[in-house]
Amino acid sequence: MRIDDDLITTPYWWEAGAPHPAAFAEDPPREVDLAVIGGGYTGMSAALTAAEAGAEVLVLDAAMPGEGASTRNGGMIGAPHRAEVLNLLGGARDDVGRRMIAEGVEAYAHTRALYTDRGIDAGYRQTGRIQLAYTQRHFEAMKRQADTLNAIADQGVQILAPEEIGQHIRTDRYFGAILFPDHGGLHPRMAHDGLTRLAMAAGARVAAPCAVTAIAEDGDGFRLMTERGEVRARRLVMATNGYTTPVHRWISRRIFRIPSFLMATEPLPPEVIDRVAPARMMMVESRARHSYFRPSPDGTRILFGGRAALHPIGLRKAAETLGGILEEIWPEAANWRVTHCWTGFTGFTFARVPHVGEKDGAHFAMGYCGNGVALSPWLGSKVAYRALGDPRGQTAFAETPWESRPYHFGGAPWFMPLVSAWWSNVVDGADIREAARDRASR
């Protein structure tokens, strides 16, 4: 692919998204019922829920709200279907896994309604999502996955044979696919800004940029030291996910960040989009590199993301890596230009499933592992209810594993460059070799 000399390194979404509300500049109040640290999807949903329940709410963000993963992702939204959730089935946590899958369907319905029924123009459209089998073994696993998901909470999941893929995506790269019809796409910046306006209209206040530099327990509440003075809060919600810092060390040692890289092509003729992605769906590969791609909401570009590395690298290098994968899928992409490439952090737990919890009175929801567009508003609402002592906060995601490791000290994970080298050469390399053998035996 041809990468523009003046490659734009801010998200494509930021150009078309609605402007941020101007009220972020005000100094925070000195005392509130509930403080929410982090102003992404989780934090704004928590603020909206608590404010509508009658609490005085303050959202604090070290940057501009939403400028983390909430407005940097691929805009794909649907019920969770990651293999890590399925791996909980059949063992000691079988019931938790089943309830997580069922609740994930409910979470998607909740978030979809938030963006369609409350006056938010999030650019939402139900498109369906197709996960493409990179190897024959992956395709066999998809068949079992479809049976399991439909048995727990019938989502109409379908298996597509190789000859059926062409009506959705034109490529001979894959060995079959699993289709999730009740999934969609949205515009992340518009979704976040609309959610922010709802929270503020309900009475939540937002102070940003306003980093929290220290947290101290204070009787029946907390003292938060911020860049704009001290705030006392009776209750506290942490909603920082992949941007969690050691300001709360116990939490930060149980969450680590992995970058995801995305790029946008130049505007392409309509006939090109019709040819390569006729169904205009959300598309994901099954390989370890976890490439995900889609047409832009206006149908003029291809947006392509994935794990160019598991640690920060230069964005031109990331664009070259992603562009090489895109050319494997659609060889004609070699003639396309890349105009944008950007990155953002996703929050991961060591169990690779999200978690909602509480430590010494501080409540938190995070660790979406790249599946947060639908889950984070849902779990933001849940964690707000839990902080308020409302039984509506009950969730299966409070029963998931929440572990640390002796080598993770919180903050930036020093070990990820080592993991990245192993993953690229061993894990992804194994997928590539297996796919080559499968193609040779076709």
Protein backbone atom coordinates (compact mmCIF):
# COMPACT_ATOMS: atom_id res chain seq x y z
CA MET A 1 0.00 0.00 0.00
CA ARG A 2 1.05 3.58 -0.51
CA ILE A 3 1.35 5.54 2.71
CA ASP A 4 0.88 9.30 2.48
CA ASP A 5 3.98 11.34 3.22
CA ASP A 6 1.82 13.54 5.45
CA LEU A 7 0.19 10.58 7.21
CA ILE A 8 -2.45 11.82 9.68
CA THR A 9 -1.79 10.29 13.10
CA THR A 10 -4.99 11.30 14.87
CA PRO A 11 -8.11 9.12 14.56
CA TYR A 12 -10.18 9.38 11.41
CA TRP A 13 -13.20 9.64 13.74
CA TRP A 14 -12.04 12.95 15.17
CA GLU A 15 -12.50 14.73 11.86
CA ALA A 16 -16.20 13.96 11.49
CA GLY A 17 -17.23 13.70 15.13
CA ALA A 18 -19.23 16.25 17.05
CA PRO A 19 -17.25 18.85 19.05
CA HIS A 20 -16.64 18.31 22.74
CA PRO A 21 -18.90 20.16 25.16
CA ALA A 22 -17.33 23.40 26.38
CA ALA A 23 -18.22 22.92 30.05
CA PHE A 24 -15.20 20.73 30.79
CA ALA A 25 -13.11 23.77 31.65
CA GLU A 26 -14.81 24.55 34.97
CA ASP A 27 -13.02 23.74 38.24
CA PRO A 28 -14.36 20.71 40.09
CA PRO A 29 -16.63 21.10 43.11
CA ARG A 30 -14.98 20.40 46.45
CA GLU A 31 -17.47 17.74 47.57
CA VAL A 32 -19.69 15.30 45.66
CA ASP A 33 -21.67 12.13 46.25
CA LEU A 34 -19.85 10.16 43.53
CA ALA A 35 -16.59 10.79 41.71
CA VAL A 36 -15.90 8.93 38.50
CA ILE A 37 -12.29 8.76 37.34
CA GLY A 38 -12.21 8.30 33.57
CA GLY A 39 -14.53 9.90 31.04
CA GLY A 40 -14.83 7.23 28.36
CA TYR A 41 -17.86 5.07 27.64
CA THR A 42 -17.69 3.39 31.06
CA GLY A 43 -17.27 6.59 33.03
CA MET A 44 -19.92 8.57 31.19
CA SER A 45 -22.41 5.73 31.45
CA ALA A 46 -21.69 5.46 35.18
CA ALA A 47 -22.17 9.21 35.52
CA LEU A 48 -25.44 9.13 33.58
CA THR A 49 -26.82 6.25 35.65
CA ALA A 50 -25.85 7.80 38.99
CA ALA A 51 -27.07 11.28 38.06
CA GLU A 52 -30.43 9.94 36.93
CA ALA A 53 -30.63 8.11 40.29
CA GLY A 54 -30.30 11.46 42.04
CA ALA A 55 -26.60 11.51 42.96
CA GLU A 56 -24.34 14.53 42.62
CA VAL A 57 -21.72 13.26 40.18
CA LEU A 58 -18.32 14.52 39.07
CA VAL A 59 -16.31 13.00 36.20
CA LEU A 60 -12.56 13.59 36.28
CA ASP A 61 -10.33 12.84 33.30
CA ALA A 62 -6.61 13.37 32.83
CA ALA A 63 -7.17 14.22 29.15
CA MET A 64 -10.25 15.25 27.21
CA PRO A 65 -13.04 12.74 27.92
CA GLY A 66 -13.24 9.97 25.37
CA GLU A 67 -9.87 10.62 23.77
CA GLY A 68 -8.67 7.23 24.92
CA ALA A 69 -10.04 3.99 23.51
CA SER A 70 -13.63 5.27 23.35
CA THR A 71 -12.97 7.39 20.27
CA ARG A 72 -10.04 5.38 18.86
CA ASN A 73 -11.68 1.98 18.31
CA GLY A 74 -13.11 0.44 15.14
CA GLY A 75 -16.75 1.22 15.98
CA MET A 76 -17.86 -2.43 15.99
CA ILE A 77 -20.66 -3.24 18.42
CA GLY A 78 -22.24 -6.55 19.35
CA ALA A 79 -22.69 -9.17 22.05
CA PRO A 80 -19.35 -10.60 23.27
CA HIS A 81 -18.31 -13.84 21.61
CA ARG A 82 -14.62 -14.13 22.43
CA ALA A 83 -13.17 -17.61 22.90
CA GLU A 84 -11.94 -16.64 26.37
CA VAL A 85 -15.55 -16.48 27.57
CA LEU A 86 -16.27 -19.87 26.05
CA ASN A 87 -13.19 -21.26 27.79
CA LEU A 88 -14.93 -20.72 31.12
CA LEU A 89 -17.53 -23.30 30.10
CA GLY A 90 -17.20 -26.88 31.24
CA GLY A 91 -15.08 -26.05 34.28
CA ALA A 92 -15.49 -24.62 37.75
CA ARG A 93 -16.77 -21.35 36.31
CA ASP A 94 -19.22 -22.91 33.85
CA ASP A 95 -22.24 -21.11 35.30
CA VAL A 96 -20.43 -17.77 35.28
CA GLY A 97 -19.48 -18.23 31.63
CA ARG A 98 -23.04 -19.06 30.62
CA ARG A 99 -24.43 -16.05 32.47
CA MET A 100 -21.77 -13.80 30.91
CA ILE A 101 -22.80 -14.90 27.42
CA ALA A 102 -26.48 -14.33 28.18
CA GLU A 103 -25.74 -10.99 29.83
CA GLY A 104 -23.62 -9.97 26.86
CA VAL A 105 -26.69 -10.20 24.64
CA GLU A 106 -28.55 -8.01 27.13
CA ALA A 107 -25.61 -5.58 27.23
CA TYR A 108 -25.67 -5.15 23.47
CA ALA A 109 -29.42 -4.52 23.51
CA HIS A 110 -28.94 -1.95 26.29
CA THR A 111 -26.17 -0.07 24.49
CA ARG A 112 -27.93 -0.21 21.13
CA ALA A 113 -31.06 1.29 22.71
CA LEU A 114 -28.94 3.97 24.35
CA TYR A 115 -27.75 5.07 20.92
CA THR A 116 -31.04 4.69 19.09
CA ASP A 117 -33.77 5.57 21.60
CA ARG A 118 -32.38 8.55 23.51
CA GLY A 119 -31.70 11.08 20.81
CA ILE A 120 -28.02 10.24 20.24
CA ASP A 121 -26.86 10.26 16.64
CA ALA A 122 -24.09 7.67 16.94
CA GLY A 123 -24.14 6.65 13.30
CA TYR A 124 -25.39 3.23 14.39
CA ARG A 125 -26.39 0.73 11.74
CA GLN A 126 -27.09 -2.96 12.11
CA THR A 127 -24.71 -4.55 9.64
CA GLY A 128 -23.89 -7.96 11.06
CA ARG A 129 -20.37 -9.17 11.77
CA ILE A 130 -18.49 -11.93 10.01
CA GLN A 131 -15.54 -13.68 11.66
CA LEU A 132 -13.36 -15.30 9.02
CA ALA A 133 -11.59 -18.62 9.60
CA TYR A 134 -7.89 -18.16 8.89
CA THR A 135 -7.27 -21.93 9.05
CA GLN A 136 -9.36 -25.08 8.66
CA ARG A 137 -8.91 -25.78 12.37
CA HIS A 138 -10.32 -22.36 13.18
CA PHE A 139 -13.36 -23.15 11.04
CA GLU A 140 -14.03 -26.38 12.92
CA ALA A 141 -13.83 -24.45 16.21
CA MET A 142 -16.32 -21.91 14.86
CA LYS A 143 -18.87 -24.65 14.25
CA ARG A 144 -18.68 -25.66 17.90
CA GLN A 145 -18.78 -22.01 18.97
CA ALA A 146 -21.98 -21.34 17.01
CA ASP A 147 -23.72 -24.33 18.61
CA THR A 148 -22.66 -23.22 22.09
CA LEU A 149 -23.68 -19.58 21.70
CA ASN A 150 -27.06 -20.37 20.17
CA ALA A 151 -27.80 -22.94 22.88
CA ILE A 152 -27.15 -20.43 25.69
CA ALA A 153 -28.74 -17.31 24.16
CA ASP A 154 -29.95 -17.76 20.62
CA GLN A 155 -28.32 -14.99 18.61
CA GLY A 156 -29.06 -16.47 15.21
CA VAL A 157 -25.37 -17.24 14.77
CA GLN A 158 -24.72 -18.94 11.42
CA ILE A 159 -21.88 -20.93 9.90
CA LEU A 160 -20.85 -20.07 6.35
CA ALA A 161 -19.06 -22.55 4.12
CA PRO A 162 -16.16 -21.20 2.03
CA GLU A 163 -18.35 -20.87 -1.06
CA GLU A 164 -20.86 -18.75 0.89
CA ILE A 165 -18.39 -16.09 1.99
CA GLY A 166 -18.36 -14.22 -1.30
CA GLN A 167 -21.71 -12.54 -0.77
CA HIS A 168 -20.22 -10.82 2.28
CA ILE A 169 -16.54 -10.31 1.40
CA ARG A 170 -14.72 -11.02 -1.86
CA THR A 171 -11.55 -12.94 -1.05
CA ASP A 172 -10.27 -16.49 -1.34
CA ARG A 173 -8.20 -16.20 1.83
CA TYR A 174 -10.47 -17.99 4.29
CA PHE A 175 -11.77 -21.50 5.04
CA GLY A 176 -15.25 -20.55 6.21
CA ALA A 177 -16.79 -18.09 8.60
CA ILE A 178 -19.17 -17.51 11.49
CA LEU A 179 -21.81 -14.83 10.99
CA PHE A 180 -23.32 -12.78 13.83
CA PRO A 181 -26.36 -11.09 12.26
CA ASP A 182 -27.33 -9.02 15.31
CA HIS A 183 -24.17 -6.89 15.36
CA GLY A 184 -23.55 -3.44 14.01
CA GLY A 185 -21.30 -0.49 13.42
CA LEU A 186 -21.26 3.04 14.77
CA HIS A 187 -19.19 6.22 14.80
CA PRO A 188 -17.21 6.08 18.08
CA ARG A 189 -16.70 9.81 18.50
CA MET A 190 -20.35 10.64 17.86
CA ALA A 191 -21.42 7.85 20.23
CA HIS A 192 -19.17 9.09 23.03
CA ASP A 193 -20.06 12.74 22.64
CA GLY A 194 -23.76 11.91 22.63
CA LEU A 195 -23.37 9.87 25.81
CA THR A 196 -21.46 12.75 27.39
CA ARG A 197 -24.23 15.19 26.58
CA LEU A 198 -26.81 12.85 28.14
CA ALA A 199 -24.76 12.56 31.34
CA MET A 200 -24.31 16.32 31.61
CA ALA A 201 -27.97 16.97 30.86
CA ALA A 202 -28.80 14.63 33.76
CA GLY A 203 -26.69 16.81 36.05
CA ALA A 204 -23.24 15.20 35.98
CA ARG A 205 -20.33 17.65 36.02
CA VAL A 206 -17.10 17.09 34.11
CA ALA A 207 -13.65 18.47 34.90
CA ALA A 208 -11.04 17.89 32.19
CA PRO A 209 -8.18 17.88 31.72
CA CYS A 210 -7.96 17.25 35.45
CA ALA A 211 -5.75 14.33 36.40
CA VAL A 212 -6.16 12.65 39.77
CA THR A 213 -2.70 12.46 41.31
CA ALA A 214 -3.51 10.67 44.58
CA ILE A 215 -6.41 8.90 46.30
CA ALA A 216 -6.78 8.68 50.08
CA GLU A 217 -9.50 7.04 52.13
CA ASP A 218 -11.22 9.58 54.35
CA GLY A 219 -13.66 8.16 56.89
CA ASP A 220 -16.72 7.17 54.93
CA GLY A 221 -15.36 8.49 51.64
CA PHE A 222 -12.31 9.52 49.65
CA ARG A 223 -10.06 12.53 49.21
CA LEU A 224 -8.93 12.96 45.62
CA MET A 225 -5.93 15.15 44.94
CA THR A 226 -6.27 16.61 41.43
CA GLU A 227 -4.46 19.11 39.24
CA ARG A 228 -7.18 21.61 40.15
CA GLY A 229 -7.40 21.07 43.87
CA GLU A 230 -8.77 18.51 46.30
CA VAL A 231 -12.17 16.86 45.94
CA ARG A 232 -13.96 14.83 48.59
CA ALA A 233 -16.27 12.09 47.35
CA ARG A 234 -18.49 9.79 49.38
CA ARG A 235 -18.23 7.13 46.67
CA LEU A 236 -15.70 6.40 43.95
CA VAL A 237 -15.79 4.65 40.57
CA MET A 238 -12.62 3.87 38.61
CA ALA A 239 -13.30 3.72 34.87
CA THR A 240 -9.83 4.01 33.35
CA ASN A 241 -9.42 0.62 31.60
CA GLY A 242 -6.35 0.70 29.30
CA TYR A 243 -5.34 4.10 30.69
CA THR A 244 -5.16 3.02 34.34
CA THR A 245 -2.18 4.43 36.24
CA PRO A 246 -0.73 3.40 39.63
CA VAL A 247 -2.79 6.12 41.35
CA HIS A 248 -4.70 3.09 42.69
CA ARG A 249 -1.93 0.52 42.73
CA TRP A 250 -4.02 -2.52 43.69
CA ILE A 251 -6.27 -2.03 40.66
CA SER A 252 -3.43 -1.05 38.31
CA ARG A 253 -1.58 -4.30 39.08
CA ARG A 254 -4.56 -6.27 37.76
CA ILE A 255 -5.04 -4.47 34.45
CA PHE A 256 -2.51 -4.02 31.67
CA ARG A 257 -2.66 -2.24 28.37
CA ILE A 258 -2.09 -3.45 24.82
CA PRO A 259 -2.05 -1.06 21.88
CA SER A 260 -4.31 -1.55 18.92
CA PHE A 261 -3.44 0.16 15.66
CA LEU A 262 -5.90 1.33 13.01
CA MET A 263 -5.61 2.95 9.63
CA ALA A 264 -7.95 4.49 7.08
CA THR A 265 -7.60 4.34 3.34
CA GLU A 266 -8.15 7.20 0.98
CA PRO A 267 -11.75 7.61 -0.28
CA LEU A 268 -12.39 4.76 -2.71
CA PRO A 269 -14.83 4.63 -5.62
CA PRO A 270 -18.21 3.06 -4.71
CA GLU A 271 -17.61 0.21 -7.12
CA VAL A 272 -14.45 -0.75 -5.21
CA ILE A 273 -16.33 -1.00 -1.90
CA ASP A 274 -19.11 -2.92 -3.68
CA ARG A 275 -16.55 -5.34 -5.02
CA VAL A 276 -14.44 -6.09 -1.95
CA ALA A 277 -17.08 -5.74 0.80
CA PRO A 278 -20.48 -6.12 -0.89
CA ALA A 279 -22.42 -6.64 2.37
CA ARG A 280 -20.68 -3.71 4.12
CA MET A 281 -20.36 -5.73 7.30
CA MET A 282 -18.05 -5.61 10.26
CA MET A 283 -15.26 -8.12 9.53
CA VAL A 284 -12.79 -9.89 11.83
CA GLU A 285 -10.11 -12.53 11.27
CA SER A 286 -9.67 -15.54 13.54
CA ARG A 287 -5.87 -15.45 13.46
CA ALA A 288 -3.88 -14.43 16.53
CA ARG A 289 -3.10 -11.01 15.04
CA HIS A 290 -6.83 -10.27 15.35
CA SER A 291 -7.26 -8.05 12.32
CA TYR A 292 -10.61 -6.27 12.12
CA PHE A 293 -11.91 -4.16 9.28
CA ARG A 294 -14.99 -2.43 7.92
CA PRO A 295 -16.19 0.23 5.51
CA SER A 296 -16.39 3.68 7.08
CA PRO A 297 -19.92 4.74 8.09
CA ASP A 298 -20.24 6.85 4.93
CA GLY A 299 -19.12 3.91 2.80
CA THR A 300 -16.15 5.70 1.23
CA ARG A 301 -13.12 4.13 2.96
CA ILE A 302 -11.86 0.88 4.41
CA LEU A 303 -10.88 1.11 8.07
CA PHE A 304 -8.45 -1.61 9.09
CA GLY A 305 -7.14 -2.41 12.56
CA GLY A 306 -5.18 -5.04 14.38
CA ARG A 307 -2.21 -5.91 16.53
CA ALA A 308 0.67 -4.61 14.48
CA ALA A 309 2.59 -5.17 17.72
CA LEU A 310 1.75 -5.74 21.38
CA HIS A 311 3.76 -2.69 22.43
CA PRO A 312 3.94 0.87 21.07
CA ILE A 313 5.68 1.23 17.70
CA GLY A 314 5.92 4.03 15.15
CA LEU A 315 2.70 4.68 13.28
CA ARG A 316 4.32 4.53 9.83
CA LYS A 317 5.69 1.09 10.72
CA ALA A 318 2.23 0.09 12.00
CA ALA A 319 0.65 1.25 8.74
CA GLU A 320 3.15 -0.80 6.74
CA THR A 321 2.38 -3.90 8.80
CA LEU A 322 -1.39 -3.48 8.61
CA GLY A 323 -1.17 -2.63 4.93
CA GLY A 324 0.67 -5.87 4.24
CA ILE A 325 -2.11 -7.88 5.90
CA LEU A 326 -4.77 -5.94 4.00
CA GLU A 327 -3.05 -6.77 0.71
CA GLU A 328 -3.16 -10.48 1.64
CA ILE A 329 -6.94 -10.19 1.94
CA TRP A 330 -7.49 -7.92 -1.08
CA PRO A 331 -4.45 -7.83 -3.41
CA GLU A 332 -5.85 -4.79 -5.19
CA ALA A 333 -5.29 -2.83 -1.96
CA ALA A 334 -1.66 -2.50 -3.07
CA ASN A 335 -2.88 0.43 -5.17
CA TRP A 336 -4.76 2.16 -2.35
CA ARG A 337 -3.36 5.04 -0.31
CA VAL A 338 -3.32 5.13 3.49
CA THR A 339 -4.21 8.59 4.78
CA HIS A 340 -4.59 7.96 8.54
CA CYS A 341 -2.96 5.68 11.09
CA TRP A 342 -3.50 5.94 14.83
CA THR A 343 -3.32 3.90 17.99
CA GLY A 344 -5.00 3.54 21.37
CA PHE A 345 -4.76 1.28 24.38
CA THR A 346 -7.12 -1.57 25.20
CA GLY A 347 -7.31 -2.79 28.78
CA PHE A 348 -6.67 -6.50 29.40
CA THR A 349 -7.04 -8.71 32.44
CA PHE A 350 -4.84 -11.74 32.90
CA ALA A 351 -7.92 -13.96 32.50
CA ARG A 352 -8.79 -12.01 29.29
CA VAL A 353 -12.37 -11.35 30.40
CA PRO A 354 -13.82 -8.10 31.83
CA HIS A 355 -14.31 -7.59 35.54
CA VAL A 356 -16.48 -5.45 37.81
CA GLY A 357 -15.32 -5.19 41.40
CA GLU A 358 -14.58 -3.20 44.53
CA LYS A 359 -11.50 -2.65 46.67
CA ASP A 360 -11.65 -0.75 49.94
CA GLY A 361 -14.79 1.06 48.82
CA ALA A 362 -13.47 1.98 45.36
CA HIS A 363 -15.62 0.40 42.63
CA PHE A 364 -14.34 -0.33 39.14
CA ALA A 365 -15.29 -1.84 35.77
CA MET A 366 -12.61 -2.54 33.17
CA GLY A 367 -10.60 -5.13 31.27
CA TYR A 368 -12.78 -5.28 28.16
CA CYS A 369 -10.01 -6.98 26.17
CA GLY A 370 -11.04 -5.25 22.97
CA ASN A 371 -14.75 -5.95 23.36
CA GLY A 372 -15.86 -2.78 25.09
CA VAL A 373 -18.02 -0.83 22.65
CA ALA A 374 -21.15 -2.71 23.73
CA LEU A 375 -20.01 -3.84 27.18
CA SER A 376 -18.58 -0.63 28.61
CA PRO A 377 -21.82 1.42 28.75
CA TRP A 378 -23.58 -1.61 30.25
CA LEU A 379 -20.92 -2.25 32.89
CA GLY A 380 -20.58 1.48 33.52
CA SER A 381 -24.23 1.45 34.51
CA LYS A 382 -23.72 -1.67 36.63
CA VAL A 383 -20.75 -0.25 38.52
CA ALA A 384 -22.64 2.96 39.25
CA TYR A 385 -25.50 0.99 40.76
CA ARG A 386 -23.04 -1.03 42.83
CA ALA A 387 -21.39 2.12 44.15
CA LEU A 388 -24.83 3.46 45.13
CA GLY A 389 -25.77 0.19 46.84
CA ASP A 390 -28.52 -0.50 44.31
CA PRO A 391 -29.31 -4.20 43.64
CA ARG A 392 -29.55 -3.44 39.92
CA GLY A 393 -25.75 -3.62 39.95
CA GLN A 394 -25.80 -7.40 40.02
CA THR A 395 -23.75 -8.82 37.14
CA ALA A 396 -21.96 -12.02 36.19
CA PHE A 397 -18.92 -9.91 35.37
CA ALA A 398 -18.39 -9.38 39.10
CA GLU A 399 -17.58 -13.11 39.35
CA THR A 400 -14.86 -13.31 36.72
CA PRO A 401 -11.19 -13.90 37.63
CA TRP A 402 -9.36 -10.73 38.69
CA GLU A 403 -5.72 -11.58 39.20
CA SER A 404 -2.31 -9.99 39.16
CA ARG A 405 1.15 -11.37 38.41
CA PRO A 406 4.34 -10.87 40.42
CA TYR A 407 6.04 -9.24 37.42
CA HIS A 408 3.34 -6.58 36.82
CA PHE A 409 3.80 -3.51 38.98
CA GLY A 410 1.02 -1.36 37.49
CA GLY A 411 1.25 1.32 34.84
CA ALA A 412 3.00 0.61 31.54
CA PRO A 413 3.64 -3.16 31.25
CA TRP A 414 7.42 -3.44 30.86
CA PHE A 415 7.11 -7.05 29.72
CA MET A 416 5.02 -6.46 26.60
CA PRO A 417 7.93 -5.99 24.13
CA LEU A 418 9.14 -9.47 25.12
CA VAL A 419 5.63 -10.89 24.80
CA SER A 420 5.24 -9.13 21.46
CA ALA A 421 8.34 -10.80 20.01
CA TRP A 422 7.21 -14.24 21.22
CA TRP A 423 3.65 -13.72 20.02
CA SER A 424 4.69 -12.50 16.57
CA ASN A 425 7.21 -15.25 15.91
CA VAL A 426 5.54 -18.18 17.67
CA VAL A 427 1.78 -17.66 17.97
CA ASP A 428 1.04 -15.65 14.83
CA GLY A 429 3.79 -17.49 12.99
CA ALA A 430 2.08 -20.79 13.76
CA ASP A 431 -1.20 -19.47 12.32
CA ILE A 432 0.57 -18.37 9.13
CA ARG A 433 2.28 -21.73 8.64
CA GLU A 434 -0.92 -23.66 9.34
CA ALA A 435 -2.90 -21.55 6.89
CA ALA A 436 -0.26 -22.09 4.20
CA ARG A 437 -0.47 -25.87 4.68
CA ASP A 438 -4.27 -25.76 4.54
CA ARG A 439 -4.24 -23.75 1.32
CA ALA A 440 -1.75 -26.13 -0.26
CA SER A 441 -4.01 -29.10 0.49
CA ARG A 442 -7.18 -27.53 -0.91
